[in-house]
N, C-alpha and C. Protein backbone atom coordinates (compact mmCIF):
# COMPACT_ATOMS: atom_id res chain seq x y z
N UNK A 1 62.31 -7.12 -28.16
CA UNK A 1 62.56 -6.49 -29.26
C UNK A 1 63.29 -7.07 -30.04
N UNK A 2 63.40 -7.21 -31.05
CA UNK A 2 64.67 -7.60 -32.22
C UNK A 2 65.36 -6.46 -32.32
N UNK A 3 66.69 -6.73 -32.19
CA UNK A 3 67.48 -5.62 -33.04
C UNK A 3 67.41 -5.59 -34.26
N UNK A 4 67.59 -4.53 -35.42
CA UNK A 4 67.45 -4.30 -36.43
C UNK A 4 68.51 -5.27 -37.09
N UNK A 5 68.46 -5.70 -38.52
CA UNK A 5 69.37 -6.25 -39.01
C UNK A 5 70.24 -5.33 -39.65
N UNK A 6 71.27 -5.87 -40.14
CA UNK A 6 72.36 -4.67 -40.87
C UNK A 6 73.51 -5.42 -41.61
N UNK A 7 73.75 -5.19 -42.99
CA UNK A 7 74.71 -5.69 -43.65
C UNK A 7 75.71 -4.76 -43.75
N UNK A 8 77.06 -5.34 -43.79
CA UNK A 8 78.30 -4.35 -44.41
C UNK A 8 78.77 -5.22 -45.15
N UNK A 9 79.53 -3.95 -46.00
CA UNK A 9 79.87 -4.59 -47.41
C UNK A 9 81.54 -4.40 -47.45
N UNK A 10 82.40 -4.96 -47.45
CA UNK A 10 83.90 -4.71 -47.86
C UNK A 10 84.25 -3.11 -49.08
N UNK A 11 85.03 -2.60 -48.21
CA UNK A 11 85.05 -1.48 -49.49
C UNK A 11 86.10 -1.88 -50.40
N UNK A 12 86.51 -2.64 -50.29
CA UNK A 12 87.62 -3.51 -51.37
C UNK A 12 87.24 -4.81 -51.03
N UNK A 13 86.37 -5.43 -52.20
CA UNK A 13 85.98 -7.10 -52.16
C UNK A 13 87.25 -7.76 -52.34
N UNK A 14 88.33 -7.33 -53.03
CA UNK A 14 89.26 -8.25 -53.44
C UNK A 14 90.20 -8.50 -52.15
N UNK A 15 90.12 -7.37 -51.14
CA UNK A 15 91.08 -7.72 -49.98
C UNK A 15 89.94 -8.06 -48.54
N UNK A 16 88.87 -7.93 -49.30
CA UNK A 16 87.84 -8.09 -48.15
C UNK A 16 87.68 -7.13 -46.98
N UNK A 17 87.16 -7.34 -46.02
CA UNK A 17 86.38 -6.34 -44.58
C UNK A 17 87.72 -6.28 -43.94
N UNK A 18 87.88 -5.26 -43.56
CA UNK A 18 89.24 -4.78 -42.97
C UNK A 18 88.87 -4.87 -41.12
N UNK A 19 89.83 -4.98 -40.33
CA UNK A 19 89.35 -4.89 -38.94
C UNK A 19 88.60 -4.07 -38.41
N UNK A 20 88.96 -2.63 -38.89
CA UNK A 20 88.00 -1.27 -38.63
C UNK A 20 86.64 -1.52 -38.99
N UNK A 21 86.39 -2.03 -40.37
CA UNK A 21 85.11 -2.32 -40.69
C UNK A 21 84.27 -3.14 -40.17
N UNK A 22 85.04 -4.23 -39.31
CA UNK A 22 84.26 -5.10 -38.73
C UNK A 22 84.38 -4.81 -37.19
N UNK A 23 85.23 -4.32 -36.75
CA UNK A 23 85.07 -3.47 -35.57
C UNK A 23 83.50 -2.44 -35.13
N UNK A 24 83.64 -1.61 -36.31
CA UNK A 24 82.32 -0.69 -36.73
C UNK A 24 81.08 -1.61 -36.36
N UNK A 25 81.25 -2.41 -37.18
CA UNK A 25 79.86 -3.69 -37.35
C UNK A 25 79.55 -4.03 -35.87
N UNK A 26 80.39 -4.63 -35.26
CA UNK A 26 80.09 -5.42 -34.03
C UNK A 26 79.88 -4.24 -33.02
N UNK A 27 80.43 -2.79 -33.04
CA UNK A 27 79.91 -1.76 -32.21
C UNK A 27 78.32 -1.59 -32.44
N UNK A 28 78.14 -1.31 -33.77
CA UNK A 28 76.67 -0.83 -34.16
C UNK A 28 75.77 -2.06 -33.97
N UNK A 29 76.23 -3.41 -33.88
CA UNK A 29 74.99 -4.39 -33.50
C UNK A 29 74.97 -4.00 -32.02
N UNK A 30 76.01 -4.39 -31.39
CA UNK A 30 75.69 -4.40 -29.88
C UNK A 30 74.79 -2.63 -29.55
N UNK A 31 75.14 -1.73 -29.78
CA UNK A 31 74.59 -0.40 -29.95
C UNK A 31 72.90 -0.79 -30.21
N UNK A 32 72.84 -1.54 -31.23
CA UNK A 32 71.22 -1.66 -31.61
C UNK A 32 70.54 -2.72 -31.03
N UNK A 33 71.21 -3.44 -29.80
CA UNK A 33 70.47 -4.34 -28.85
C UNK A 33 70.87 -5.83 -29.63
N UNK A 34 71.59 -5.84 -30.08
CA UNK A 34 72.00 -7.27 -30.42
C UNK A 34 73.04 -7.70 -29.35
N UNK A 35 72.82 -9.17 -29.01
CA UNK A 35 73.42 -10.04 -27.80
C UNK A 35 74.60 -10.72 -28.23
N UNK A 36 75.02 -11.37 -27.42
CA UNK A 36 76.27 -12.19 -27.93
C UNK A 36 75.73 -13.51 -28.80
N UNK A 37 74.49 -13.97 -28.18
CA UNK A 37 73.70 -14.85 -29.16
C UNK A 37 73.21 -14.45 -30.55
N UNK A 38 73.43 -13.25 -31.22
CA UNK A 38 72.48 -13.19 -32.02
C UNK A 38 74.12 -13.65 -33.28
N UNK A 39 73.26 -14.12 -34.43
CA UNK A 39 73.31 -14.93 -35.43
C UNK A 39 74.07 -14.00 -36.48
N UNK A 40 75.24 -14.14 -36.99
CA UNK A 40 75.50 -13.56 -38.04
C UNK A 40 75.85 -14.58 -39.38
N UNK A 41 75.77 -13.76 -40.35
CA UNK A 41 76.38 -14.56 -41.81
C UNK A 41 76.88 -13.70 -42.59
N UNK A 42 77.96 -14.48 -43.02
CA UNK A 42 78.83 -13.85 -43.98
C UNK A 42 78.95 -14.38 -45.22
N UNK A 43 79.47 -13.72 -46.30
CA UNK A 43 79.80 -13.92 -47.52
C UNK A 43 81.17 -14.09 -47.92
N UNK A 44 81.77 -14.90 -48.06
CA UNK A 44 83.61 -15.25 -48.11
C UNK A 44 83.98 -15.36 -49.81
N UNK A 45 85.11 -14.72 -49.94
CA UNK A 45 85.39 -14.64 -51.56
C UNK A 45 86.39 -15.77 -51.56
N UNK A 46 86.79 -16.09 -52.66
CA UNK A 46 87.89 -17.34 -52.78
C UNK A 46 88.66 -17.46 -51.82
N UNK A 47 89.72 -16.05 -51.76
CA UNK A 47 90.51 -16.36 -50.52
C UNK A 47 90.29 -16.04 -49.07
N UNK A 48 89.03 -16.60 -48.77
CA UNK A 48 88.49 -16.72 -47.54
C UNK A 48 88.39 -15.32 -46.78
N UNK A 49 88.49 -14.31 -47.70
CA UNK A 49 88.15 -12.74 -47.21
C UNK A 49 86.61 -12.64 -46.80
N UNK A 50 86.39 -12.16 -46.31
CA UNK A 50 84.99 -11.83 -45.80
C UNK A 50 84.61 -10.47 -46.60
N UNK A 51 83.51 -10.62 -47.64
CA UNK A 51 83.29 -9.78 -48.29
C UNK A 51 81.96 -9.00 -48.05
N UNK A 52 81.00 -9.65 -47.26
CA UNK A 52 80.17 -9.28 -46.25
C UNK A 52 79.85 -9.84 -45.18
N UNK A 53 78.89 -8.92 -44.04
CA UNK A 53 78.84 -9.85 -43.08
C UNK A 53 77.26 -8.88 -42.43
N UNK A 54 76.66 -9.86 -41.87
CA UNK A 54 75.20 -9.16 -41.36
C UNK A 54 74.68 -9.79 -40.35
N UNK A 55 73.70 -9.07 -39.38
CA UNK A 55 73.27 -9.83 -38.47
C UNK A 55 71.60 -10.50 -38.79
N UNK A 56 71.70 -11.67 -38.28
CA UNK A 56 70.64 -12.48 -38.77
C UNK A 56 69.46 -12.32 -37.87
N UNK A 57 68.31 -12.25 -38.02
CA UNK A 57 67.18 -12.17 -37.41
C UNK A 57 66.24 -13.37 -37.58
N UNK A 58 66.38 -14.41 -36.54
CA UNK A 58 65.62 -15.58 -36.63
C UNK A 58 64.06 -15.35 -35.99
N UNK A 59 63.12 -16.22 -36.32
CA UNK A 59 61.99 -15.90 -36.13
C UNK A 59 61.79 -17.07 -35.08
């Protein structure tokens, strides 16, 4: 069974995702069954800050 997909968006898109937001995302992903080989996708801003991060479910 595949882990559910999840997307986290930075609370402040100008500064990007905080370490705390990233940590919560990783903890949630593992708790939902993601593994070390689960692919993630990110959207980055102009200053290379992470705006969104999500797990990606490949078929």
